[in-house]
Amino acid sequence: MTFVLAQWLVSAFALIGLMHVYWALGGQWAAAVVVPQVPVAGFVETLRPAFKPSGWITLLVAAALLLIAVLVCMRVGWGMPAVQHKALQWVISAIALLLFARAIGDSNLVGFFKEVKDSRFARLDTWVYSPLCAVLGAGLLAVAWI
């Protein structure tokens, strides 16, 4: 069971991390639906991105996601002896809490309790991104405390 969970977590974090590398290098596939959108003042149906992520910040996010995959590998012992140190447990647990916080959201643009709900991003956030964050967080907690 632990093997399957760890394999799934590493695959998910690596895939999401590599997608961020793709976007950081200028890739456009799905880029329009991964940034929150806000209404343009004075135009009822017009939306614009809430921000434009810079390439280097996106690379930092990619590095963080890939590091999480490495931490899971360290915890379960893939390619090295399993690390049982409490510090690793707490680091992975803290990351899980951050993912839970992302799933809950900022009460405005992201998460289950967001106010801006009428965009492609918002619909994907409700049905894909936020649930994925919750599931990844739960998986990380399980790996941290096995």
C-alpha atoms as a PDB file:
ATOM      1  CA  MET A   1       0.000   0.000   0.000  1.00  0.00           C
ATOM      2  CA  THR A   2       2.762   2.440   0.928  1.00  0.00           C
ATOM      3  CA  PHE A   3       4.586   1.642  -2.311  1.00  0.00           C
ATOM      4  CA  VAL A   4       1.525   2.431  -4.440  1.00  0.00           C
ATOM      5  CA  LEU A   5       0.769   5.641  -2.540  1.00  0.00           C
ATOM      6  CA  ALA A   6       4.378   6.825  -2.751  1.00  0.00           C
ATOM      7  CA  GLN A   7       4.539   5.937  -6.438  1.00  0.00           C
ATOM      8  CA  TRP A   8       1.381   7.921  -7.101  1.00  0.00           C
ATOM      9  CA  LEU A   9       2.614  10.921  -5.088  1.00  0.00           C
ATOM     10  CA  VAL A  10       6.033  10.992  -6.753  1.00  0.00           C
ATOM     11  CA  SER A  11       4.442  10.685 -10.190  1.00  0.00           C
ATOM     12  CA  ALA A  12       1.916  13.448  -9.491  1.00  0.00           C
ATOM     13  CA  PHE A  13       4.449  15.902  -8.047  1.00  0.00           C
ATOM     14  CA  ALA A  14       6.967  15.162 -10.811  1.00  0.00           C
ATOM     15  CA  LEU A  15       4.339  15.625 -13.535  1.00  0.00           C
ATOM     16  CA  ILE A  16       3.049  18.879 -12.051  1.00  0.00           C
ATOM     17  CA  GLY A  17       6.633  20.076 -11.549  1.00  0.00           C
ATOM     18  CA  LEU A  18       7.541  19.302 -15.159  1.00  0.00           C
ATOM     19  CA  MET A  19       4.415  21.124 -16.347  1.00  0.00           C
ATOM     20  CA  HIS A  20       5.656  24.196 -14.466  1.00  0.00           C
ATOM     21  CA  VAL A  21       9.050  23.876 -16.174  1.00  0.00           C
ATOM     22  CA  TYR A  22       7.219  23.759 -19.517  1.00  0.00           C
ATOM     23  CA  TRP A  23       5.272  26.933 -18.673  1.00  0.00           C
ATOM     24  CA  ALA A  24       8.379  28.682 -17.335  1.00  0.00           C
ATOM     25  CA  LEU A  25      10.113  28.021 -20.654  1.00  0.00           C
ATOM     26  CA  GLY A  26       7.237  29.620 -22.569  1.00  0.00           C
ATOM     27  CA  GLY A  27       4.884  26.695 -23.162  1.00  0.00           C
ATOM     28  CA  GLN A  28       1.285  27.735 -23.750  1.00  0.00           C
ATOM     29  CA  TRP A  29      -0.690  24.483 -23.500  1.00  0.00           C
ATOM     30  CA  ALA A  30      -3.252  24.896 -20.676  1.00  0.00           C
ATOM     31  CA  ALA A  31      -1.571  28.129 -19.525  1.00  0.00           C
ATOM     32  CA  ALA A  32      -4.810  30.086 -19.866  1.00  0.00           C
ATOM     33  CA  VAL A  33      -6.650  27.938 -17.302  1.00  0.00           C
ATOM     34  CA  VAL A  34      -4.052  27.634 -14.541  1.00  0.00           C
ATOM     35  CA  VAL A  35      -4.037  31.279 -13.432  1.00  0.00           C
ATOM     36  CA  PRO A  36      -7.041  32.762 -11.586  1.00  0.00           C
ATOM     37  CA  GLN A  37      -9.127  35.175 -13.596  1.00  0.00           C
ATOM     38  CA  VAL A  38     -10.860  38.334 -12.378  1.00  0.00           C
ATOM     39  CA  PRO A  39     -13.588  40.450 -13.970  1.00  0.00           C
ATOM     40  CA  VAL A  40     -12.516  43.580 -15.813  1.00  0.00           C
ATOM     41  CA  ALA A  41     -14.086  46.665 -14.190  1.00  0.00           C
ATOM     42  CA  GLY A  42     -16.990  47.960 -16.242  1.00  0.00           C
ATOM     43  CA  PHE A  43     -17.270  44.822 -18.413  1.00  0.00           C
ATOM     44  CA  VAL A  44     -19.650  42.227 -17.047  1.00  0.00           C
ATOM     45  CA  GLU A  45     -18.519  39.189 -19.066  1.00  0.00           C
ATOM     46  CA  THR A  46     -14.843  40.060 -19.603  1.00  0.00           C
ATOM     47  CA  LEU A  47     -12.164  38.335 -17.554  1.00  0.00           C
ATOM     48  CA  ARG A  48      -8.428  38.889 -17.319  1.00  0.00           C
ATOM     49  CA  PRO A  49      -5.694  36.941 -15.523  1.00  0.00           C
ATOM     50  CA  ALA A  50      -5.322  38.016 -11.887  1.00  0.00           C
ATOM     51  CA  PHE A  51      -1.534  38.061 -12.369  1.00  0.00           C
ATOM     52  CA  LYS A  52       1.128  37.105 -14.889  1.00  0.00           C
ATOM     53  CA  PRO A  53       3.553  34.626 -13.340  1.00  0.00           C
ATOM     54  CA  SER A  54       7.162  35.317 -14.238  1.00  0.00           C
ATOM     55  CA  GLY A  55       9.305  32.566 -15.685  1.00  0.00           C
ATOM     56  CA  TRP A  56      11.735  32.424 -12.766  1.00  0.00           C
ATOM     57  CA  ILE A  57       8.953  32.249 -10.137  1.00  0.00           C
ATOM     58  CA  THR A  58       7.364  29.437 -12.138  1.00  0.00           C
ATOM     59  CA  LEU A  59      10.755  27.662 -12.163  1.00  0.00           C
ATOM     60  CA  LEU A  60      10.958  28.051  -8.391  1.00  0.00           C
ATOM     61  CA  VAL A  61       7.519  26.465  -8.061  1.00  0.00           C
ATOM     62  CA  ALA A  62       8.680  23.647 -10.361  1.00  0.00           C
ATOM     63  CA  ALA A  63      11.787  23.112  -8.224  1.00  0.00           C
ATOM     64  CA  ALA A  64       9.676  23.012  -5.056  1.00  0.00           C
ATOM     65  CA  LEU A  65       7.299  20.454  -6.571  1.00  0.00           C
ATOM     66  CA  LEU A  66      10.177  18.273  -7.751  1.00  0.00           C
ATOM     67  CA  LEU A  67      11.777  18.576  -4.300  1.00  0.00           C
ATOM     68  CA  ILE A  68       8.561  17.281  -2.735  1.00  0.00           C
ATOM     69  CA  ALA A  69       8.806  14.232  -5.016  1.00  0.00           C
ATOM     70  CA  VAL A  70      12.393  13.718  -3.799  1.00  0.00           C
ATOM     71  CA  LEU A  71      11.305  14.034  -0.151  1.00  0.00           C
ATOM     72  CA  VAL A  72       8.709  11.302  -0.678  1.00  0.00           C
ATOM     73  CA  CYS A  73      11.406   9.117  -2.270  1.00  0.00           C
ATOM     74  CA  MET A  74      13.640   9.739   0.740  1.00  0.00           C
ATOM     75  CA  ARG A  75      10.860   8.881   3.187  1.00  0.00           C
ATOM     76  CA  VAL A  76       9.942   5.571   1.556  1.00  0.00           C
ATOM     77  CA  GLY A  77      13.475   4.589   0.554  1.00  0.00           C
ATOM     78  CA  TRP A  78      13.500   4.759  -3.219  1.00  0.00           C
ATOM     79  CA  GLY A  79      17.082   4.749  -4.480  1.00  0.00           C
ATOM     80  CA  MET A  80      18.425   5.156  -0.950  1.00  0.00           C
ATOM     81  CA  PRO A  81      17.754   3.841   2.526  1.00  0.00           C
ATOM     82  CA  ALA A  82      14.458   5.144   3.937  1.00  0.00           C
ATOM     83  CA  VAL A  83      14.890   8.262   6.072  1.00  0.00           C
ATOM     84  CA  GLN A  84      13.043   7.858   9.367  1.00  0.00           C
ATOM     85  CA  HIS A  85      14.153  11.146  10.926  1.00  0.00           C
ATOM     86  CA  LYS A  86      11.415  13.154  12.648  1.00  0.00           C
ATOM     87  CA  ALA A  87      12.505  16.334  10.846  1.00  0.00           C
ATOM     88  CA  LEU A  88      11.572  14.790   7.490  1.00  0.00           C
ATOM     89  CA  GLN A  89       8.209  13.739   8.904  1.00  0.00           C
ATOM     90  CA  TRP A  90       7.535  17.288  10.048  1.00  0.00           C
ATOM     91  CA  VAL A  91       8.682  18.871   6.789  1.00  0.00           C
ATOM     92  CA  ILE A  92       6.415  16.587   4.757  1.00  0.00           C
ATOM     93  CA  SER A  93       3.574  17.249   7.210  1.00  0.00           C
ATOM     94  CA  ALA A  94       4.064  21.013   6.875  1.00  0.00           C
ATOM     95  CA  ILE A  95       3.886  20.694   3.091  1.00  0.00           C
ATOM     96  CA  ALA A  96       0.670  18.684   3.505  1.00  0.00           C
ATOM     97  CA  LEU A  97      -0.799  21.502   5.615  1.00  0.00           C
ATOM     98  CA  LEU A  98       0.131  24.019   2.910  1.00  0.00           C
ATOM     99  CA  LEU A  99      -1.696  21.882   0.359  1.00  0.00           C
ATOM    100  CA  PHE A 100      -4.760  21.714   2.627  1.00  0.00           C
ATOM    101  CA  ALA A 101      -4.613  25.509   2.975  1.00  0.00           C
ATOM    102  CA  ARG A 102      -4.442  25.829  -0.831  1.00  0.00           C
ATOM    103  CA  ALA A 103      -7.482  23.560  -1.160  1.00  0.00           C
ATOM    104  CA  ILE A 104      -9.450  25.648   1.331  1.00  0.00           C
ATOM    105  CA  GLY A 105      -8.282  28.776  -0.456  1.00  0.00           C
ATOM    106  CA  ASP A 106      -7.861  32.490   0.065  1.00  0.00           C
ATOM    107  CA  SER A 107     -11.646  33.160   0.062  1.00  0.00           C
ATOM    108  CA  ASN A 108     -11.319  35.246  -3.076  1.00  0.00           C
ATOM    109  CA  LEU A 109      -9.692  33.586  -6.121  1.00  0.00           C
ATOM    110  CA  VAL A 110      -8.669  30.012  -5.241  1.00  0.00           C
ATOM    111  CA  GLY A 111      -9.893  27.110  -3.152  1.00  0.00           C
ATOM    112  CA  PHE A 112     -13.226  25.612  -2.263  1.00  0.00           C
ATOM    113  CA  PHE A 113     -14.477  28.844  -0.669  1.00  0.00           C
ATOM    114  CA  LYS A 114     -13.504  31.332  -3.387  1.00  0.00           C
ATOM    115  CA  GLU A 115     -15.781  34.215  -4.323  1.00  0.00           C
ATOM    116  CA  VAL A 116     -14.846  34.512  -8.013  1.00  0.00           C
ATOM    117  CA  LYS A 117     -16.574  31.459  -9.504  1.00  0.00           C
ATOM    118  CA  ASP A 118     -17.473  32.359 -13.087  1.00  0.00           C
ATOM    119  CA  SER A 119     -14.335  31.507 -15.046  1.00  0.00           C
ATOM    120  CA  ARG A 120     -12.773  28.437 -16.599  1.00  0.00           C
ATOM    121  CA  PHE A 121     -10.060  28.551 -13.941  1.00  0.00           C
ATOM    122  CA  ALA A 122     -12.647  28.738 -11.148  1.00  0.00           C
ATOM    123  CA  ARG A 123     -14.532  25.707 -12.447  1.00  0.00           C
ATOM    124  CA  LEU A 124     -11.310  23.702 -12.834  1.00  0.00           C
ATOM    125  CA  ASP A 125     -10.198  24.869  -9.406  1.00  0.00           C
ATOM    126  CA  THR A 126     -13.423  23.635  -7.823  1.00  0.00           C
ATOM    127  CA  TRP A 127     -13.445  20.256  -9.579  1.00  0.00           C
ATOM    128  CA  VAL A 128      -9.745  19.489 -10.180  1.00  0.00           C
ATOM    129  CA  TYR A 129      -7.102  21.728  -8.574  1.00  0.00           C
ATOM    130  CA  SER A 130      -8.507  22.074  -5.045  1.00  0.00           C
ATOM    131  CA  PRO A 131      -9.542  18.412  -4.715  1.00  0.00           C
ATOM    132  CA  LEU A 132      -6.111  17.402  -6.041  1.00  0.00           C
ATOM    133  CA  CYS A 133      -4.420  19.565  -3.402  1.00  0.00           C
ATOM    134  CA  ALA A 134      -6.536  17.941  -0.681  1.00  0.00           C
ATOM    135  CA  VAL A 135      -5.751  14.427  -1.922  1.00  0.00           C
ATOM    136  CA  LEU A 136      -2.033  15.187  -2.303  1.00  0.00           C
ATOM    137  CA  GLY A 137      -1.996  16.653   1.202  1.00  0.00           C
ATOM    138  CA  ALA A 138      -3.662  13.569   2.648  1.00  0.00           C
ATOM    139  CA  GLY A 139      -1.220  11.340   0.780  1.00  0.00           C
ATOM    140  CA  LEU A 140       1.744  13.297   2.107  1.00  0.00           C
ATOM    141  CA  LEU A 141       0.446  12.987   5.675  1.00  0.00           C
ATOM    142  CA  ALA A 142       0.065   9.256   5.210  1.00  0.00           C
ATOM    143  CA  VAL A 143       3.620   8.926   3.857  1.00  0.00           C
ATOM    144  CA  ALA A 144       5.010  11.146   6.597  1.00  0.00           C
ATOM    145  CA  TRP A 145       3.580   9.083   9.434  1.00  0.00           C
ATOM    146  CA  ILE A 146       3.863   5.505   8.168  1.00  0.00           C
END
